[in-house]
Protein backbone atom coordinates (compact mmCIF):
# COMPACT_ATOMS: atom_id res chain seq x y z
CA MET A 1 -33.32 -29.52 4.38
CA ASN A 2 -32.80 -30.97 0.87
CA GLY A 3 -31.84 -28.03 -1.45
CA ASP A 4 -33.87 -29.71 -4.33
CA THR A 5 -37.03 -29.36 -2.36
CA LEU A 6 -39.26 -26.30 -3.03
CA THR A 7 -40.01 -24.54 0.17
CA HIS A 8 -43.36 -22.91 0.89
CA MET A 9 -42.48 -21.49 4.33
CA ALA A 10 -43.44 -17.79 4.94
CA VAL A 11 -39.98 -16.22 4.62
CA ARG A 12 -39.40 -13.10 6.50
CA ILE A 13 -35.54 -12.45 6.70
CA ILE A 14 -33.12 -13.32 3.93
CA LEU A 15 -29.28 -12.87 3.90
CA GLY A 16 -27.88 -11.84 0.54
CA ILE A 17 -24.31 -12.15 -0.54
CA GLU A 18 -22.75 -10.30 -3.48
CA SER A 19 -19.25 -10.97 -4.85
CA SER A 20 -19.67 -10.85 -8.61
CA CYS A 21 -16.77 -8.39 -9.31
CA ASP A 22 -14.79 -6.35 -6.71
CA GLU A 23 -17.42 -5.46 -4.12
CA THR A 24 -17.68 -7.91 -1.17
CA SER A 25 -21.24 -7.35 0.29
CA ALA A 26 -23.64 -8.80 2.59
CA ALA A 27 -27.27 -7.58 3.38
CA ILE A 28 -30.45 -8.57 5.41
CA VAL A 29 -33.71 -7.88 3.79
CA SER A 30 -37.16 -8.56 5.11
CA ILE A 31 -40.04 -9.44 2.90
CA ASP A 32 -43.85 -8.93 3.76
CA GLY A 33 -45.89 -10.08 0.87
CA ASP A 34 -43.83 -8.46 -2.03
CA GLN A 35 -42.79 -5.62 0.02
CA LEU A 36 -38.91 -5.55 0.45
CA ARG A 37 -37.26 -3.67 3.36
CA VAL A 38 -33.50 -3.34 3.75
CA LEU A 39 -32.49 -4.02 7.34
CA SER A 40 -28.62 -3.65 6.80
CA CYS A 41 -26.03 -3.75 4.17
CA ARG A 42 -22.18 -4.01 4.53
CA THR A 43 -19.92 -3.64 1.66
CA ALA A 44 -16.13 -3.66 1.32
CA GLY A 45 -14.75 -2.11 -1.87
CA GLN A 46 -11.50 -2.74 -3.51
CA ASP A 47 -10.89 0.51 -5.46
CA ASP A 48 -7.55 0.90 -3.66
CA LEU A 49 -6.37 -2.64 -4.74
CA HIS A 50 -7.02 -2.14 -8.50
CA ALA A 51 -6.47 1.68 -8.95
CA GLU A 52 -2.84 1.27 -10.15
CA TYR A 53 -4.05 -1.26 -12.94
CA ARG A 54 -6.97 1.01 -14.04
CA GLY A 55 -9.23 -1.84 -13.87
CA VAL A 56 -10.23 -4.92 -11.84
CA VAL A 57 -7.63 -7.72 -11.73
CA PRO A 58 -9.52 -11.04 -11.14
CA GLU A 59 -7.15 -12.83 -9.03
CA ILE A 60 -6.66 -9.94 -6.73
CA ALA A 61 -10.53 -9.47 -6.51
CA SER A 62 -11.13 -13.27 -5.62
CA ARG A 63 -8.49 -13.29 -2.91
CA ALA A 64 -9.79 -10.06 -1.38
CA HIS A 65 -13.27 -11.76 -1.33
CA LEU A 66 -12.00 -14.59 0.76
CA ASP A 67 -10.57 -12.26 3.36
CA ARG A 68 -13.70 -10.26 3.69
CA ILE A 69 -16.70 -12.31 3.14
CA ILE A 70 -17.16 -13.62 6.63
CA PRO A 71 -16.58 -10.06 8.32
CA VAL A 72 -19.08 -8.39 6.15
CA VAL A 73 -21.77 -11.09 6.86
CA ARG A 74 -21.22 -10.79 10.53
CA GLY A 75 -21.37 -7.06 10.17
CA ALA A 76 -24.69 -7.25 8.29
CA CYS A 77 -26.28 -9.29 10.93
CA ALA A 78 -24.94 -6.97 13.73
CA GLU A 79 -26.25 -3.99 11.87
CA ALA A 80 -29.69 -5.57 11.48
CA GLY A 81 -29.76 -6.72 15.01
CA ILE A 82 -30.18 -10.41 14.25
CA THR A 83 -28.26 -13.60 14.59
CA LEU A 84 -27.67 -16.17 11.85
CA LYS A 85 -30.29 -18.42 13.45
CA GLU A 86 -33.07 -15.85 12.68
CA ILE A 87 -32.39 -16.09 9.08
CA ASN A 88 -35.05 -17.85 6.80
CA GLY A 89 -33.11 -18.14 3.68
CA VAL A 90 -29.72 -17.31 1.86
CA ALA A 91 -29.32 -15.72 -1.64
CA ALA A 92 -26.04 -15.36 -3.58
CA GLY A 93 -25.42 -13.58 -6.88
CA ASN A 94 -24.18 -16.79 -8.95
CA ARG A 95 -24.13 -15.01 -12.36
CA PRO A 96 -22.86 -13.01 -14.33
CA GLY A 97 -19.38 -11.91 -13.19
CA LEU A 98 -15.82 -12.94 -12.63
CA ILE A 99 -15.90 -16.63 -11.99
CA GLY A 100 -13.25 -16.76 -9.11
CA SER A 101 -15.28 -13.99 -7.50
CA LEU A 102 -18.52 -15.58 -7.96
CA LEU A 103 -17.35 -18.88 -6.44
CA VAL A 104 -16.45 -17.20 -3.28
CA GLY A 105 -19.87 -15.80 -2.53
CA THR A 106 -21.80 -18.67 -3.98
CA SER A 107 -19.79 -21.17 -1.80
CA THR A 108 -20.22 -19.12 1.36
CA ALA A 109 -23.94 -18.81 0.79
CA LYS A 110 -24.38 -22.51 0.23
CA ALA A 111 -22.46 -23.47 3.38
CA LEU A 112 -24.47 -21.06 5.59
CA ALA A 113 -27.73 -22.29 4.15
CA TRP A 114 -26.62 -25.87 4.63
CA SER A 115 -25.52 -25.37 8.16
CA LEU A 116 -28.60 -23.49 9.07
CA ASP A 117 -30.84 -25.89 7.34
CA ILE A 118 -32.63 -23.14 5.32
CA PRO A 119 -33.28 -22.52 1.60
CA PHE A 120 -30.50 -21.42 -0.76
CA VAL A 121 -31.19 -19.54 -3.97
CA GLY A 122 -28.99 -18.25 -6.84
CA VAL A 123 -29.76 -14.82 -8.11
CA ASP A 124 -28.91 -13.36 -11.65
CA HIS A 125 -26.98 -10.20 -10.98
CA VAL A 126 -28.64 -8.35 -13.87
CA ILE A 127 -32.26 -9.00 -12.51
CA ALA A 128 -31.07 -7.97 -9.20
CA HIS A 129 -30.21 -4.42 -10.44
CA LEU A 130 -33.90 -4.20 -11.48
CA VAL A 131 -35.07 -5.46 -7.96
CA ALA A 132 -33.02 -2.70 -6.56
CA GLY A 133 -35.53 -0.15 -7.53
CA LEU A 134 -38.07 -2.13 -5.42
CA LEU A 135 -36.21 -1.88 -2.14
CA ASP A 136 -37.85 0.22 0.50
CA GLN A 137 -40.33 1.42 -2.19
CA PRO A 138 -44.27 1.23 -2.50
CA PRO A 139 -45.82 -1.50 -4.66
CA LEU A 140 -45.43 -1.11 -8.43
CA GLN A 141 -48.04 -1.78 -11.07
CA TRP A 142 -47.11 -4.30 -13.67
CA PRO A 143 -46.06 -4.93 -16.40
CA ALA A 144 -43.03 -2.57 -16.39
CA ILE A 145 -40.09 -1.80 -18.69
CA GLY A 146 -36.79 -2.64 -16.92
CA LEU A 147 -33.52 -0.80 -17.89
CA VAL A 148 -30.14 -2.12 -16.67
CA ALA A 149 -27.32 0.21 -17.60
CA SER A 150 -23.92 -1.04 -15.92
CA GLY A 151 -20.40 -1.61 -16.71
CA GLY A 152 -21.19 -5.02 -18.24
CA HIS A 153 -24.72 -4.75 -19.49
CA THR A 154 -27.07 -2.28 -21.25
CA SER A 155 -30.37 -4.08 -21.61
CA LEU A 156 -34.24 -3.39 -21.84
CA PHE A 157 -36.68 -5.94 -20.37
CA LEU A 158 -40.39 -6.43 -20.43
CA MET A 159 -41.28 -7.38 -16.89
CA ARG A 160 -44.62 -8.90 -16.29
CA SER A 161 -43.61 -9.30 -12.59
CA PRO A 162 -40.27 -9.30 -10.71
CA MET A 163 -40.30 -13.05 -11.46
CA GLU A 164 -41.03 -13.10 -15.15
CA VAL A 165 -38.67 -11.03 -17.29
CA GLN A 166 -38.21 -10.96 -21.19
CA LEU A 167 -35.31 -9.34 -22.84
CA ILE A 168 -36.33 -6.85 -25.57
CA GLY A 169 -33.07 -4.99 -26.27
CA ALA A 170 -29.37 -5.09 -25.61
CA THR A 171 -25.89 -3.62 -26.60
CA ILE A 172 -24.36 -5.14 -29.59
CA ASP A 173 -20.78 -4.03 -28.38
CA ASP A 174 -19.72 -1.83 -25.43
CA ALA A 175 -22.07 -1.53 -22.36
CA ALA A 176 -22.83 2.03 -21.37
CA GLY A 177 -20.67 1.77 -18.25
CA GLU A 178 -17.83 0.43 -20.19
CA ALA A 179 -18.10 3.21 -22.75
CA PHE A 180 -17.93 5.84 -19.95
CA ASP A 181 -14.95 4.27 -18.41
CA LYS A 182 -13.13 4.13 -21.76
CA ALA A 183 -13.84 7.74 -22.39
CA ALA A 184 -12.62 8.70 -18.99
CA SER A 185 -9.64 6.81 -19.69
CA ILE A 186 -8.96 8.71 -22.87
CA LEU A 187 -9.44 11.93 -20.99
CA GLU A 188 -6.92 10.37 -18.28
CA LEU A 189 -9.41 11.13 -15.48
CA GLY A 190 -8.28 8.07 -13.31
CA TYR A 191 -10.09 5.09 -11.84
CA PRO A 192 -13.01 4.47 -11.39
CA GLY A 193 -13.64 6.43 -14.61
CA GLY A 194 -17.28 6.54 -15.15
CA ALA A 195 -18.06 8.48 -11.90
CA LYS A 196 -15.32 10.93 -12.58
CA LEU A 197 -16.52 11.64 -16.11
CA ASP A 198 -20.04 12.20 -14.80
CA ALA A 199 -18.72 14.69 -12.19
CA LEU A 200 -16.63 16.53 -14.79
CA ALA A 201 -19.49 16.64 -17.31
CA GLU A 202 -21.66 18.69 -14.83
CA SER A 203 -19.48 21.71 -15.59
CA GLY A 204 -19.09 21.19 -19.25
CA ASP A 205 -21.10 22.46 -22.31
CA ALA A 206 -22.67 19.42 -23.91
CA SER A 207 -23.33 21.41 -27.26
CA ILE A 208 -19.65 22.14 -28.00
CA VAL A 209 -18.61 18.79 -29.49
CA PRO A 210 -20.87 17.27 -32.05
CA LEU A 211 -20.96 13.42 -31.72
CA PRO A 212 -23.13 10.95 -33.60
CA MET A 213 -25.85 8.88 -31.92
CA THR A 214 -26.16 5.25 -33.19
CA ARG A 215 -29.95 4.49 -33.94
CA LEU A 216 -30.51 0.59 -34.18
CA LYS A 217 -33.73 -1.16 -34.69
CA GLY A 218 -35.46 -3.48 -32.19
CA GLY A 219 -34.26 -1.59 -28.98
CA ASP A 220 -30.69 -2.53 -29.45
CA PHE A 221 -27.79 -0.22 -28.41
CA SER A 222 -24.34 0.50 -29.84
CA PHE A 223 -21.68 2.66 -28.20
CA SER A 224 -18.52 1.62 -30.01
CA GLY A 225 -18.94 4.20 -32.81
CA ILE A 226 -19.56 7.04 -30.22
CA LYS A 227 -16.47 6.04 -28.51
CA THR A 228 -14.50 6.16 -31.66
CA ALA A 229 -15.80 9.59 -32.62
CA PHE A 230 -14.98 10.74 -29.11
CA ALA A 231 -11.52 9.57 -29.28
CA LEU A 232 -11.02 11.49 -32.66
CA ALA A 233 -12.48 14.72 -31.21
CA THR A 234 -10.07 14.57 -28.13
CA ARG A 235 -7.33 14.90 -30.80
CA ASP A 236 -8.89 17.75 -32.62
CA PRO A 237 -6.95 21.06 -31.73
CA ARG A 238 -10.41 22.96 -31.61
CA TYR A 239 -11.20 21.11 -28.34
CA ALA A 240 -7.69 21.22 -26.81
CA GLY A 241 -8.06 21.98 -23.04
CA ARG A 242 -11.82 21.49 -23.13
CA SER A 243 -12.17 18.18 -21.19
CA ALA A 244 -15.27 19.21 -19.33
CA ASP A 245 -16.97 20.05 -22.74
CA LEU A 246 -15.83 16.76 -24.15
CA ALA A 247 -17.09 14.80 -21.15
CA ALA A 248 -20.49 16.62 -21.39
CA SER A 249 -20.83 15.94 -25.05
CA PHE A 250 -20.03 12.23 -24.71
CA ARG A 251 -22.41 11.90 -21.79
CA LYS A 252 -25.11 13.63 -23.53
CA VAL A 253 -25.10 11.30 -26.69
CA VAL A 254 -24.76 8.10 -24.61
CA VAL A 255 -27.66 8.93 -22.50
CA ALA A 256 -29.71 10.20 -25.39
CA GLN A 257 -29.51 6.73 -27.04
CA ILE A 258 -30.54 4.96 -23.73
CA THR A 259 -33.43 7.26 -23.06
CA ARG A 260 -34.69 6.94 -26.92
CA ASN A 261 -34.70 3.22 -26.71
CA LEU A 262 -36.39 3.42 -23.38
CA ALA A 263 -39.18 5.80 -24.60
CA LEU A 264 -39.68 3.62 -27.57
CA ALA A 265 -40.08 0.44 -25.36
CA LEU A 266 -42.56 2.20 -23.01
CA GLU A 267 -44.72 3.29 -25.96
CA GLU A 268 -44.60 -0.14 -27.76
CA HIS A 269 -45.64 -2.14 -24.65
CA ALA A 270 -47.81 0.45 -23.15
CA ALA A 271 -46.19 -0.30 -19.79
CA PRO A 272 -47.48 1.78 -16.79
CA SER A 273 -44.25 1.53 -14.93
CA CYS A 274 -40.52 1.62 -15.43
CA LEU A 275 -37.52 0.17 -13.39
CA VAL A 276 -33.95 1.50 -13.76
CA GLY A 277 -30.89 -0.03 -12.18
CA GLY A 278 -27.18 -0.64 -12.63
CA GLY A 279 -24.04 1.35 -11.92
CA VAL A 280 -24.97 3.84 -14.76
CA ALA A 281 -28.24 4.54 -13.25
CA ALA A 282 -26.14 6.78 -10.76
CA ASN A 283 -25.23 9.05 -13.61
CA ALA A 284 -26.78 12.42 -12.87
CA LEU A 285 -27.95 13.17 -16.46
CA LEU A 286 -29.53 9.73 -16.92
CA ARG A 287 -31.44 10.17 -13.82
CA ARG A 288 -32.80 13.49 -14.92
CA GLU A 289 -33.61 12.32 -18.53
CA VAL A 290 -35.26 9.09 -17.38
CA ALA A 291 -37.49 10.88 -14.95
CA SER A 292 -38.40 13.37 -17.81
CA VAL A 293 -39.39 10.54 -20.25
CA CYS A 294 -41.58 8.85 -17.65
CA THR A 295 -43.22 12.09 -16.51
CA GLU A 296 -44.22 12.95 -20.04
CA ARG A 297 -45.74 9.62 -20.59
CA GLY A 298 -47.52 9.37 -17.07
CA VAL A 299 -45.28 6.41 -16.22
CA SER A 300 -44.53 5.40 -12.60
CA LEU A 301 -40.78 5.27 -12.43
CA ARG A 302 -38.55 3.52 -9.83
CA VAL A 303 -34.91 4.31 -10.15
CA ALA A 304 -32.61 2.65 -7.64
CA GLU A 305 -31.34 4.79 -5.03
CA LEU A 306 -27.81 5.81 -5.46
CA ARG A 307 -26.59 3.54 -2.76
CA TRP A 308 -28.19 0.39 -4.47
CA CYS A 309 -26.88 1.42 -8.09
CA THR A 310 -23.44 -0.05 -7.59
CA ASP A 311 -22.91 -3.71 -6.75
CA ASN A 312 -24.48 -4.59 -3.44
CA ALA A 313 -25.91 -7.48 -1.51
CA ALA A 314 -29.28 -5.81 -0.68
CA MET A 315 -30.51 -6.11 -4.34
CA ILE A 316 -29.27 -9.87 -4.17
CA ALA A 317 -31.24 -10.45 -0.96
CA GLY A 318 -34.30 -8.69 -2.29
CA ALA A 319 -34.38 -10.75 -5.55
CA GLY A 320 -33.72 -13.86 -3.51
CA ALA A 321 -36.48 -13.03 -1.09
CA LEU A 322 -38.98 -12.76 -3.94
CA ARG A 323 -37.84 -16.17 -5.17
CA ILE A 324 -38.03 -18.02 -1.76
CA ALA A 325 -41.33 -16.34 -0.85
CA HIS A 326 -42.70 -17.87 -3.92
CA GLY A 327 -41.76 -21.32 -2.96
CA GLU A 328 -38.43 -21.61 -4.88
CA CYS A 329 -34.98 -22.80 -3.89
CA ASP A 330 -31.96 -24.09 -5.66
CA GLY A 331 -29.91 -27.39 -4.99
CA TRP A 332 -26.29 -27.53 -3.74
CA ASP A 333 -25.18 -28.33 -7.17
CA LEU A 334 -26.15 -24.73 -8.49
CA VAL A 335 -23.01 -23.47 -10.37
CA ALA A 336 -21.42 -20.03 -10.70
CA HIS A 337 -21.49 -18.77 -14.30
CA PRO A 338 -19.65 -15.84 -15.90
CA LEU A 339 -22.71 -14.95 -18.19
CA SER A 340 -26.21 -13.80 -17.33
CA GLU A 341 -29.13 -16.02 -17.94
CA LEU A 342 -30.54 -13.32 -19.97
CA ALA A 343 -28.07 -13.15 -22.63
CA ARG A 344 -28.58 -11.52 -25.97
CA GLY A 345 -29.07 -14.85 -27.55
CA ASP A 346 -32.15 -15.63 -25.37
CA ARG A 347 -34.09 -12.59 -26.66
CA GLY A 348 -37.78 -13.22 -26.75
CA ALA A 349 -37.69 -16.04 -24.26
CA ARG A 350 -39.29 -15.42 -20.82
CA ARG A 351 -37.18 -16.23 -17.91
CA ARG A 352 -37.92 -16.61 -14.23
CA THR A 353 -35.43 -14.88 -12.03
CA SER A 354 -33.82 -18.20 -11.10
């Protein structure tokens, strides 16, 4: 099959591959209409390889992907009880991410699709985080406001469908996940920091340390000022030994900025639905506050299940299944790219999920 030719076959089973950073993941997802069902997902993490560096080392990550990619694909197929010959299409996260890591997953997906003579599609990782909220869930009423909060992105989208997405707000400096990780580093909580800070904050008093909340126009976010104020607060003798309170106060103000902008977007666009995904969507306070915002407005909420918040191939397979089911596929010349197709500079432009 020529990869440049659109395919209108009825796709039922899609293999997804994710390797954008330090998670090597493969998943099998079935699609019936626009209903997505996860049949399996295998993920090999690398926290042990990067812990001593307190961050992901790109070269180490890409080499680990090379070692693990085929075993996780085989594992996903075995878990789903299928063979590769039963797959109707292959999807890979081809952007954004670490370029060396992306190349491993994208090249593997192309090779599999070519050898099986089935469609191949590339998937934008940011959009996949939104699709994660549709996995194993009932149909959603469109349009929806989409929120992606992760280590590399904090963005708001107007979604007229899973296939048509418009950027309406984004961070101008740190992403929320990056801010949480830096705050955790300041408190010397270890790696990975965001999850450790969230756990510590659950036992703290968020009213103890006053921190400023940035308010920008147009739905944009900024977390660098909050981070600076937090760093200064940790040096204040009044808060010595109060790590839990510091963590809770920092978490509270970051989440408050996110939910404020989300509420404004829901009201401005009168959207009946909301999709939330990304690693920070696993944050306990954010999940509670987003639910409260949507309940108050009668908005139907889909927050990605905890297992689909971090990087995983199920969301890649889901987004790819939607593309292929709508007759789309990419050529063998599709490249990996370190940036999302929905970057800040593209605000206002409507983008397909390709």
